[in-house]
N, C-alpha and C. Protein backbone atom coordinates (compact mmCIF):
# COMPACT_ATOMS: atom_id res chain seq x y z
N UNK A 1 -33.23 -9.96 -39.60
CA UNK A 1 -31.99 -10.66 -38.87
C UNK A 1 -31.39 -9.39 -38.05
N UNK A 2 -31.40 -9.91 -36.61
CA UNK A 2 -30.45 -8.95 -36.21
C UNK A 2 -28.87 -9.97 -35.91
N UNK A 3 -28.04 -8.84 -36.04
CA UNK A 3 -26.72 -8.66 -35.58
C UNK A 3 -25.68 -8.57 -34.90
N UNK A 4 -25.26 -9.57 -33.79
CA UNK A 4 -24.70 -8.66 -33.03
C UNK A 4 -23.58 -9.17 -32.79
N UNK A 5 -22.38 -8.26 -32.21
CA UNK A 5 -21.01 -8.03 -32.41
C UNK A 5 -20.17 -7.68 -31.02
N UNK A 6 -19.24 -8.17 -30.72
CA UNK A 6 -18.53 -7.94 -29.31
C UNK A 6 -17.64 -6.98 -29.92
N UNK A 7 -17.27 -6.35 -28.39
CA UNK A 7 -15.79 -5.63 -29.28
C UNK A 7 -14.68 -6.44 -29.43
N UNK A 8 -14.31 -7.48 -28.90
CA UNK A 8 -13.50 -8.55 -29.30
C UNK A 8 -13.53 -8.48 -30.94
N UNK A 9 -14.38 -8.80 -31.66
CA UNK A 9 -14.63 -9.39 -32.70
C UNK A 9 -13.85 -8.12 -33.65
N UNK A 10 -15.39 -7.04 -33.40
CA UNK A 10 -14.72 -5.89 -34.34
C UNK A 10 -13.16 -5.15 -33.89
N UNK A 11 -13.03 -5.57 -33.26
CA UNK A 11 -11.01 -4.84 -33.19
C UNK A 11 -10.36 -5.44 -34.25
N UNK A 12 -9.57 -4.92 -34.84
CA UNK A 12 -8.89 -5.52 -35.80
C UNK A 12 -7.45 -5.37 -35.40
N UNK A 13 -7.21 -6.75 -35.53
CA UNK A 13 -5.21 -7.26 -34.79
C UNK A 13 -4.96 -7.53 -35.83
N UNK A 14 -3.39 -6.91 -36.18
CA UNK A 14 -2.76 -7.17 -36.97
C UNK A 14 -1.79 -8.62 -36.36
N UNK A 15 -1.91 -9.60 -37.44
CA UNK A 15 -1.77 -10.94 -36.98
C UNK A 15 -0.40 -10.74 -37.82
N UNK A 16 0.46 -11.46 -37.26
CA UNK A 16 1.88 -11.34 -38.33
C UNK A 16 1.41 -12.22 -39.97
N UNK A 17 -0.22 -13.02 -40.07
CA UNK A 17 -0.22 -13.99 -41.57
C UNK A 17 -0.60 -12.69 -42.36
N UNK A 18 -1.83 -11.69 -41.01
CA UNK A 18 -2.36 -10.15 -42.14
C UNK A 18 -1.20 -9.20 -42.92
N UNK A 19 -0.12 -9.02 -41.29
CA UNK A 19 0.73 -8.11 -41.81
C UNK A 19 1.86 -8.83 -42.78
N UNK A 20 2.05 -10.15 -42.96
CA UNK A 20 3.06 -10.53 -44.33
C UNK A 20 1.56 -10.67 -45.31
N UNK A 21 0.77 -11.20 -45.59
CA UNK A 21 0.03 -10.97 -46.71
C UNK A 21 -0.22 -9.23 -46.94
N UNK A 22 -0.11 -8.11 -46.66
CA UNK A 22 -0.60 -7.16 -46.80
C UNK A 22 1.23 -6.66 -47.34
N UNK A 23 2.15 -7.13 -46.86
CA UNK A 23 3.12 -6.29 -47.22
C UNK A 23 3.61 -6.67 -48.50
N UNK A 24 3.34 -8.56 -48.54
CA UNK A 24 3.94 -9.08 -49.81
C UNK A 24 2.88 -9.18 -50.90
N UNK A 25 1.73 -8.67 -50.63
CA UNK A 25 1.00 -8.11 -51.72
C UNK A 25 1.22 -6.74 -52.37
N UNK A 26 1.05 -5.58 -51.30
CA UNK A 26 1.96 -4.56 -51.84
C UNK A 26 3.40 -4.45 -52.97
N UNK A 27 3.71 -5.28 -52.31
CA UNK A 27 4.99 -5.56 -53.40
C UNK A 27 5.09 -5.95 -54.04
N UNK A 28 4.36 -6.82 -54.92
CA UNK A 28 4.00 -7.44 -55.79
C UNK A 28 3.41 -6.03 -57.14
N UNK A 29 2.18 -5.48 -56.05
CA UNK A 29 1.47 -4.19 -56.77
C UNK A 29 2.34 -3.14 -57.55
N UNK A 30 3.53 -2.64 -56.09
CA UNK A 30 4.94 -2.26 -56.77
C UNK A 30 5.77 -2.99 -58.25
N UNK A 31 5.58 -4.19 -58.02
CA UNK A 31 6.56 -4.43 -59.34
C UNK A 31 5.82 -4.19 -60.45
N UNK A 32 4.45 -4.20 -60.29
CA UNK A 32 3.35 -4.17 -61.59
C UNK A 32 3.23 -2.79 -62.31
N UNK A 33 3.20 -1.69 -61.26
CA UNK A 33 3.46 -0.74 -61.59
C UNK A 33 4.76 -0.19 -62.43
N UNK A 34 5.84 -0.75 -61.48
CA UNK A 34 7.47 -0.37 -62.02
C UNK A 34 7.48 -1.41 -63.47
N UNK A 35 6.69 -2.15 -63.57
CA UNK A 35 6.76 -2.87 -65.33
C UNK A 35 5.85 -1.80 -65.86
N UNK A 36 5.02 -1.71 -65.81
CA UNK A 36 4.07 -0.47 -66.30
C UNK A 36 5.08 0.95 -66.80
N UNK A 37 5.77 1.49 -65.54
CA UNK A 37 7.19 2.44 -65.69
C UNK A 37 7.87 2.11 -66.99
N UNK A 38 8.11 0.97 -66.97
CA UNK A 38 9.02 0.32 -67.79
C UNK A 38 8.54 -0.13 -69.08
N UNK A 39 7.54 0.06 -69.00
CA UNK A 39 7.01 0.01 -70.63
C UNK A 39 6.33 1.46 -71.05
N UNK A 40 6.41 2.31 -70.03
CA UNK A 40 6.21 3.72 -70.93
C UNK A 40 7.61 3.88 -71.43
N UNK A 41 8.80 3.82 -70.35
CA UNK A 41 9.79 4.37 -70.48
C UNK A 41 10.48 3.69 -72.06
N UNK A 42 10.99 2.61 -71.86
CA UNK A 42 10.97 2.20 -73.27
C UNK A 42 10.23 0.98 -74.26
N UNK A 43 9.30 1.21 -74.03
CA UNK A 43 7.64 0.22 -75.27
C UNK A 43 7.50 1.63 -76.12
N UNK A 44 7.04 2.53 -75.47
CA UNK A 44 6.55 3.24 -76.45
C UNK A 44 7.27 5.42 -76.43
N UNK A 45 8.53 5.01 -75.31
CA UNK A 45 9.37 5.70 -75.15
C UNK A 45 8.81 7.47 -74.97
N UNK A 46 7.66 7.21 -74.38
CA UNK A 46 7.10 8.72 -73.77
C UNK A 46 7.79 9.73 -72.85
N UNK A 47 8.01 8.38 -71.28
CA UNK A 47 8.45 9.10 -69.85
C UNK A 47 9.03 8.19 -69.29
N UNK A 48 9.93 8.81 -68.68
CA UNK A 48 10.24 7.86 -67.85
C UNK A 48 10.64 8.41 -66.49
N UNK A 49 9.01 9.04 -66.25
CA UNK A 49 8.61 9.83 -64.70
C UNK A 49 8.37 8.77 -64.16
N UNK A 50 7.24 7.46 -64.54
CA UNK A 50 6.56 6.78 -64.18
C UNK A 50 7.81 5.87 -63.22
N UNK A 51 9.15 5.17 -63.87
CA UNK A 51 9.96 4.71 -63.80
C UNK A 51 10.66 5.58 -62.49
N UNK A 52 10.74 6.63 -62.69
CA UNK A 52 11.65 6.94 -61.22
C UNK A 52 10.20 6.94 -60.24
N UNK A 53 8.85 7.16 -59.93
CA UNK A 53 7.97 7.15 -59.32
C UNK A 53 7.94 5.95 -58.80
N UNK A 54 7.36 4.76 -59.73
CA UNK A 54 6.52 3.60 -59.71
C UNK A 54 8.20 2.95 -58.80
N UNK A 55 9.66 3.46 -59.63
CA UNK A 55 10.85 2.74 -58.70
C UNK A 55 11.05 2.95 -57.19
N UNK A 56 10.96 4.39 -56.72
CA UNK A 56 11.25 4.59 -55.88
C UNK A 56 9.83 3.72 -54.94
N UNK A 57 8.89 3.96 -54.95
CA UNK A 57 7.73 3.48 -54.81
C UNK A 57 8.15 2.05 -54.24
N UNK A 58 8.54 0.72 -55.46
CA UNK A 58 9.05 -0.25 -54.92
C UNK A 58 10.33 -0.44 -54.41
N UNK A 59 10.99 0.37 -54.71
CA UNK A 59 12.07 0.00 -53.06
C UNK A 59 12.02 0.18 -51.70
N UNK A 60 10.60 1.34 -51.60
CA UNK A 60 10.39 1.25 -50.29
C UNK A 60 9.74 0.03 -49.96
N UNK A 61 8.95 -0.31 -50.69
CA UNK A 61 7.97 -1.45 -50.17
C UNK A 61 8.74 -2.80 -49.93
N UNK A 62 9.49 -2.60 -51.38
CA UNK A 62 10.72 -4.17 -51.48
C UNK A 62 11.67 -4.16 -49.99
N UNK A 63 12.38 -2.88 -49.51
CA UNK A 63 12.27 -2.74 -48.28
C UNK A 63 12.29 -2.97 -47.21
N UNK A 64 10.58 -2.32 -46.85
CA UNK A 64 9.73 -3.18 -45.73
C UNK A 64 9.42 -4.45 -45.92
N UNK A 65 9.11 -5.10 -47.18
CA UNK A 65 9.42 -6.50 -47.45
C UNK A 65 10.09 -7.56 -46.86
N UNK A 66 11.57 -6.80 -46.72
CA UNK A 66 12.53 -7.68 -46.56
C UNK A 66 12.68 -7.58 -45.19
N UNK A 67 12.43 -6.35 -44.55
CA UNK A 67 12.59 -6.17 -42.92
C UNK A 67 11.46 -7.02 -41.87
N UNK A 68 10.22 -6.89 -42.85
CA UNK A 68 8.77 -7.68 -42.58
C UNK A 68 9.80 -9.54 -42.28
N UNK A 69 10.13 -9.94 -42.75
CA UNK A 69 10.60 -11.25 -43.39
C UNK A 69 11.76 -11.26 -42.43
N UNK A 70 12.31 -10.85 -41.70
CA UNK A 70 13.45 -10.35 -41.13
C UNK A 70 12.82 -11.07 -39.68
N UNK A 71 11.51 -9.51 -39.40
CA UNK A 71 10.74 -9.66 -38.36
C UNK A 71 10.05 -11.35 -38.17
N UNK A 72 9.84 -11.67 -38.77
CA UNK A 72 8.86 -12.99 -38.92
C UNK A 72 9.73 -13.98 -38.66
N UNK A 73 11.28 -13.96 -39.29
CA UNK A 73 12.02 -14.79 -38.70
C UNK A 73 13.08 -15.39 -37.56
N UNK A 74 12.37 -14.17 -36.85
CA UNK A 74 12.94 -14.21 -35.36
C UNK A 74 11.89 -14.51 -34.89
N UNK A 75 10.38 -14.05 -35.30
CA UNK A 75 9.08 -14.21 -34.28
C UNK A 75 8.40 -15.46 -34.58
N UNK A 76 8.42 -15.88 -35.75
CA UNK A 76 7.94 -17.23 -36.28
C UNK A 76 8.59 -18.14 -36.05
N UNK A 77 10.15 -17.99 -35.90
CA UNK A 77 11.11 -19.07 -35.81
C UNK A 77 11.41 -19.80 -37.13
N UNK A 78 11.39 -19.01 -38.41
CA UNK A 78 11.59 -19.79 -39.24
C UNK A 78 13.07 -20.08 -39.20
N UNK A 79 13.24 -21.34 -40.27
CA UNK A 79 14.81 -21.50 -40.33
C UNK A 79 15.44 -20.42 -41.18
N UNK A 80 16.48 -20.17 -41.02
CA UNK A 80 17.37 -19.33 -42.07
C UNK A 80 17.04 -19.37 -43.79
N UNK A 81 16.89 -20.48 -43.81
CA UNK A 81 17.17 -20.74 -45.37
C UNK A 81 15.39 -20.04 -45.86
N UNK A 82 14.37 -20.54 -44.99
CA UNK A 82 12.72 -19.51 -44.98
C UNK A 82 13.31 -18.26 -45.19
N UNK A 83 14.16 -17.65 -44.76
CA UNK A 83 14.52 -15.98 -44.72
C UNK A 83 14.90 -15.81 -45.80
N UNK A 84 15.84 -16.32 -46.11
CA UNK A 84 16.76 -15.73 -47.76
C UNK A 84 15.78 -15.85 -48.67
N UNK A 85 14.83 -17.34 -48.65
CA UNK A 85 14.14 -17.48 -49.71
C UNK A 85 13.28 -16.63 -49.89
N UNK A 86 11.98 -16.10 -48.49
CA UNK A 86 11.57 -14.82 -48.97
C UNK A 86 12.62 -13.63 -49.24
N UNK A 87 13.63 -13.01 -48.72
CA UNK A 87 14.18 -12.07 -49.76
C UNK A 87 14.00 -12.46 -50.83
N UNK A 88 14.91 -13.62 -51.67
CA UNK A 88 14.80 -13.71 -52.83
C UNK A 88 13.77 -13.39 -53.63
N UNK A 89 12.55 -14.17 -53.01
CA UNK A 89 11.55 -14.11 -53.95
C UNK A 89 11.11 -12.79 -54.36
N UNK A 90 11.52 -12.00 -53.33
CA UNK A 90 11.06 -10.20 -53.93
C UNK A 90 11.75 -9.77 -54.91
N UNK A 91 12.88 -10.45 -55.40
CA UNK A 91 13.34 -9.95 -56.66
C UNK A 91 13.25 -10.31 -58.00
N UNK A 92 12.81 -11.40 -58.39
CA UNK A 92 12.21 -10.99 -59.37
C UNK A 92 10.34 -10.84 -58.94
N UNK A 93 9.49 -10.44 -60.59
CA UNK A 93 8.52 -10.04 -60.17
C UNK A 93 7.73 -10.79 -60.01
N UNK A 94 6.54 -10.35 -58.95
CA UNK A 94 5.19 -11.43 -58.61
C UNK A 94 5.75 -12.45 -57.90
N UNK A 95 6.78 -12.95 -57.36
CA UNK A 95 7.29 -13.74 -56.90
C UNK A 95 7.14 -14.12 -55.01
N UNK A 96 6.96 -12.66 -54.67
CA UNK A 96 6.25 -12.61 -53.44
C UNK A 96 4.70 -13.37 -53.47
N UNK A 97 4.33 -13.37 -53.94
CA UNK A 97 2.97 -14.26 -54.13
C UNK A 97 2.84 -15.73 -54.10
N UNK A 98 4.16 -15.95 -55.00
CA UNK A 98 4.39 -17.60 -54.64
C UNK A 98 4.73 -18.44 -53.12
N UNK A 99 5.61 -17.00 -52.75
CA UNK A 99 5.91 -17.14 -51.22
C UNK A 99 4.81 -16.97 -50.53
N UNK A 100 3.74 -16.38 -50.39
CA UNK A 100 2.48 -16.28 -50.08
C UNK A 100 1.82 -17.74 -49.53
N UNK A 101 1.94 -18.16 -50.79
CA UNK A 101 1.40 -19.26 -50.72
C UNK A 101 1.88 -20.62 -50.30
N UNK A 102 3.70 -19.95 -50.53
CA UNK A 102 4.35 -21.80 -49.85
C UNK A 102 4.55 -21.29 -48.33
N UNK A 103 4.05 -19.88 -47.47
CA UNK A 103 4.68 -19.83 -46.26
C UNK A 103 3.17 -20.23 -45.50
N UNK A 104 2.15 -20.28 -46.47
CA UNK A 104 0.56 -20.70 -45.91
C UNK A 104 0.60 -21.93 -46.06
N UNK A 105 1.15 -22.66 -47.24
CA UNK A 105 1.26 -24.52 -47.46
C UNK A 105 2.28 -24.69 -46.43
N UNK A 106 3.16 -24.19 -45.85
CA UNK A 106 4.49 -24.66 -45.09
C UNK A 106 3.78 -24.27 -43.23
N UNK A 107 2.57 -23.37 -42.96
CA UNK A 107 2.30 -22.74 -42.08
C UNK A 107 3.66 -22.11 -41.02
N UNK A 108 4.43 -21.48 -42.22
CA UNK A 108 4.88 -20.33 -41.75
C UNK A 108 4.43 -18.78 -41.27
N UNK A 109 3.56 -18.78 -41.19
CA UNK A 109 3.10 -17.54 -40.54
C UNK A 109 1.45 -17.38 -39.75
N UNK A 110 1.66 -18.02 -38.31
CA UNK A 110 0.47 -18.14 -37.87
C UNK A 110 -0.34 -16.65 -37.48
N UNK A 111 -1.14 -16.92 -36.89
CA UNK A 111 -2.28 -15.26 -36.53
C UNK A 111 -1.87 -14.97 -35.07
N UNK A 112 -0.82 -15.33 -34.40
CA UNK A 112 -0.37 -14.76 -33.54
C UNK A 112 0.70 -14.95 -33.14
N UNK A 113 1.02 -13.35 -32.50
CA UNK A 113 2.91 -13.37 -32.26
C UNK A 113 3.33 -14.29 -30.96
N UNK A 114 4.32 -14.35 -31.34
CA UNK A 114 4.89 -15.80 -30.35
C UNK A 114 5.61 -14.82 -29.39
N UNK A 115 6.05 -14.03 -30.27
CA UNK A 115 6.90 -12.66 -28.70
C UNK A 115 5.97 -11.54 -28.18
N UNK A 116 4.75 -11.92 -28.34
CA UNK A 116 4.07 -10.99 -27.78
C UNK A 116 3.96 -11.29 -25.86
N UNK A 117 3.79 -12.84 -25.85
CA UNK A 117 3.96 -13.26 -24.48
C UNK A 117 5.05 -14.26 -24.35
N UNK A 118 5.44 -14.46 -24.99
CA UNK A 118 6.80 -15.39 -24.62
C UNK A 118 7.94 -14.89 -24.20
N UNK A 119 8.76 -15.17 -23.59
CA UNK A 119 10.03 -14.28 -23.01
C UNK A 119 11.02 -14.70 -23.72
N UNK A 120 11.59 -13.32 -24.73
CA UNK A 120 12.72 -13.26 -25.48
C UNK A 120 14.18 -13.71 -24.65
N UNK A 121 14.85 -14.06 -25.63
CA UNK A 121 16.01 -14.95 -25.09
C UNK A 121 17.31 -14.45 -26.13
N UNK A 122 17.30 -14.03 -27.04
CA UNK A 122 18.33 -13.40 -28.02
C UNK A 122 18.44 -12.06 -27.73
N UNK A 123 18.91 -11.25 -28.40
CA UNK A 123 19.12 -10.42 -28.83
C UNK A 123 18.13 -9.85 -30.31
N UNK A 124 18.26 -10.65 -31.26
CA UNK A 124 17.17 -10.45 -31.86
C UNK A 124 15.48 -10.83 -31.16
N UNK A 125 15.70 -11.49 -30.62
CA UNK A 125 14.24 -12.07 -30.06
C UNK A 125 14.04 -10.58 -29.43
N UNK A 126 14.72 -10.14 -28.18
CA UNK A 126 14.22 -8.78 -27.51
C UNK A 126 13.98 -7.80 -28.55
N UNK A 127 14.86 -7.43 -29.33
CA UNK A 127 14.26 -6.02 -30.63
C UNK A 127 13.03 -6.70 -31.23
N UNK A 128 12.99 -7.67 -31.46
CA UNK A 128 11.42 -8.05 -32.44
C UNK A 128 10.94 -8.10 -31.33
N UNK A 129 10.52 -8.77 -30.12
CA UNK A 129 9.84 -8.53 -29.10
C UNK A 129 9.08 -7.23 -28.36
N UNK A 130 10.22 -6.08 -28.45
CA UNK A 130 9.84 -5.05 -28.38
C UNK A 130 8.73 -3.96 -29.34
N UNK A 131 9.48 -4.30 -30.88
CA UNK A 131 8.34 -3.89 -31.51
C UNK A 131 7.15 -4.40 -31.88
N UNK A 132 6.75 -5.98 -31.60
CA UNK A 132 5.23 -6.37 -31.33
C UNK A 132 4.35 -5.82 -30.17
N UNK A 133 5.08 -6.05 -28.74
CA UNK A 133 4.04 -5.50 -27.67
C UNK A 133 4.40 -4.06 -27.90
N UNK A 134 4.65 -3.20 -29.00
CA UNK A 134 4.66 -1.57 -28.52
C UNK A 134 4.63 -1.33 -29.83
N UNK A 135 3.27 -1.54 -30.58
CA UNK A 135 3.17 -1.53 -31.85
C UNK A 135 2.79 -0.35 -32.39
N UNK A 136 2.51 0.62 -31.90
CA UNK A 136 2.36 2.39 -32.14
C UNK A 136 4.61 2.80 -32.75
N UNK A 137 5.31 1.99 -31.40
CA UNK A 137 6.52 2.42 -31.55
C UNK A 137 6.69 1.45 -32.41
N UNK A 138 6.59 0.63 -32.47
CA UNK A 138 7.06 -0.23 -33.34
C UNK A 138 6.52 -0.02 -35.03
N UNK A 139 5.87 0.86 -35.69
CA UNK A 139 5.81 1.07 -36.82
C UNK A 139 6.39 2.23 -37.05
N UNK A 140 6.67 3.35 -35.73
CA UNK A 140 7.23 4.32 -35.84
C UNK A 140 8.93 3.67 -36.53
N UNK A 141 9.70 2.69 -35.33
CA UNK A 141 10.57 2.20 -35.66
C UNK A 141 10.86 1.54 -37.26
N UNK A 142 9.77 0.97 -37.51
CA UNK A 142 9.80 0.56 -38.76
C UNK A 142 9.94 1.49 -39.66
N UNK A 143 8.94 2.48 -39.89
CA UNK A 143 9.47 3.74 -40.98
C UNK A 143 10.69 4.24 -41.01
N UNK A 144 10.80 4.44 -39.62
CA UNK A 144 12.72 5.30 -39.91
C UNK A 144 13.37 4.29 -40.46
N UNK A 145 13.63 2.62 -40.30
CA UNK A 145 14.28 1.78 -41.04
C UNK A 145 13.78 2.19 -42.17
N UNK A 146 13.20 1.85 -42.98
CA UNK A 146 12.76 2.02 -44.64
C UNK A 146 13.48 3.18 -44.84
N UNK A 147 13.06 4.57 -43.92
CA UNK A 147 13.40 5.79 -44.67
C UNK A 147 15.07 5.42 -44.78
N UNK A 148 15.71 5.08 -43.47
CA UNK A 148 16.97 4.95 -43.56
C UNK A 148 17.84 4.31 -44.58
N UNK A 149 17.23 2.99 -44.64
CA UNK A 149 18.10 2.25 -45.69
C UNK A 149 17.61 2.61 -47.01
N UNK A 150 16.29 3.40 -47.02
CA UNK A 150 15.71 3.82 -48.70
C UNK A 150 17.31 4.89 -48.87
N UNK A 151 17.61 5.51 -47.98
CA UNK A 151 18.80 6.66 -48.19
C UNK A 151 19.49 6.19 -48.36
N UNK A 152 20.27 4.94 -47.87
CA UNK A 152 21.60 4.22 -47.89
C UNK A 152 20.97 4.20 -49.56
N UNK A 153 20.44 3.03 -49.84
CA UNK A 153 20.19 2.87 -51.43
C UNK A 153 20.22 3.72 -52.28
N UNK A 154 19.40 4.93 -51.86
CA UNK A 154 19.27 6.08 -53.27
C UNK A 154 21.20 6.48 -53.09
N UNK A 155 21.98 6.40 -52.38
CA UNK A 155 23.04 6.78 -52.16
C UNK A 155 24.09 5.77 -52.94
N UNK A 156 23.84 4.47 -53.15
CA UNK A 156 24.04 3.43 -53.50
C UNK A 156 24.04 3.85 -55.21
N UNK A 157 22.92 4.28 -54.95
CA UNK A 157 22.76 4.00 -56.95
C UNK A 157 21.42 3.37 -57.16
N UNK A 158 20.12 3.59 -57.90
CA UNK A 158 19.19 2.16 -58.58
C UNK A 158 20.33 1.31 -58.85
N UNK A 159 19.11 0.07 -59.26
CA UNK A 159 19.88 -1.09 -59.81
C UNK A 159 20.13 -0.76 -61.18
N UNK A 160 21.11 -1.60 -61.92
CA UNK A 160 22.21 -1.50 -63.23
C UNK A 160 22.59 -0.04 -62.88
N UNK A 161 23.09 0.34 -62.07
CA UNK A 161 24.33 1.37 -62.31
C UNK A 161 23.39 2.87 -63.27
N UNK A 162 22.34 3.23 -63.52
CA UNK A 162 21.92 4.37 -64.25
C UNK A 162 21.23 5.46 -63.71
N UNK A 163 22.05 6.74 -63.06
CA UNK A 163 21.74 7.35 -62.80
C UNK A 163 20.98 8.91 -62.66
């Protein structure tokens, strides 16, 4: 059997749906790792290293997930309540997986970036359109935003006030 593929078919495009599913699943995975670390620290009393490492990883991915929700709120024209719900779903373990299902069922995330073609109107839409239309620069901006917000979170201190 001969299989032919076109250049368009083999090109991997980061769609809003793919991006959202990737980051929300990464958030759930880092929750799993953090819970494992908590078990090692408090359940077996063997080490707290896993909490420090996995806690940092989870914090970074949590911030990226929240920023992703903000981008999709603007680009996909979510109601503000959907943004709030999406961010709140990152707080309890694994609830981002439920929000994935909810977003899919409600058609909140499409396979097209609206602002890639549509003219932005507000300042938020202009910022979102910039990172969507220039994806490499958008990734750099996103990484810098995550680093800055992680730094702020580290200055504030970990949840529960333990230093």
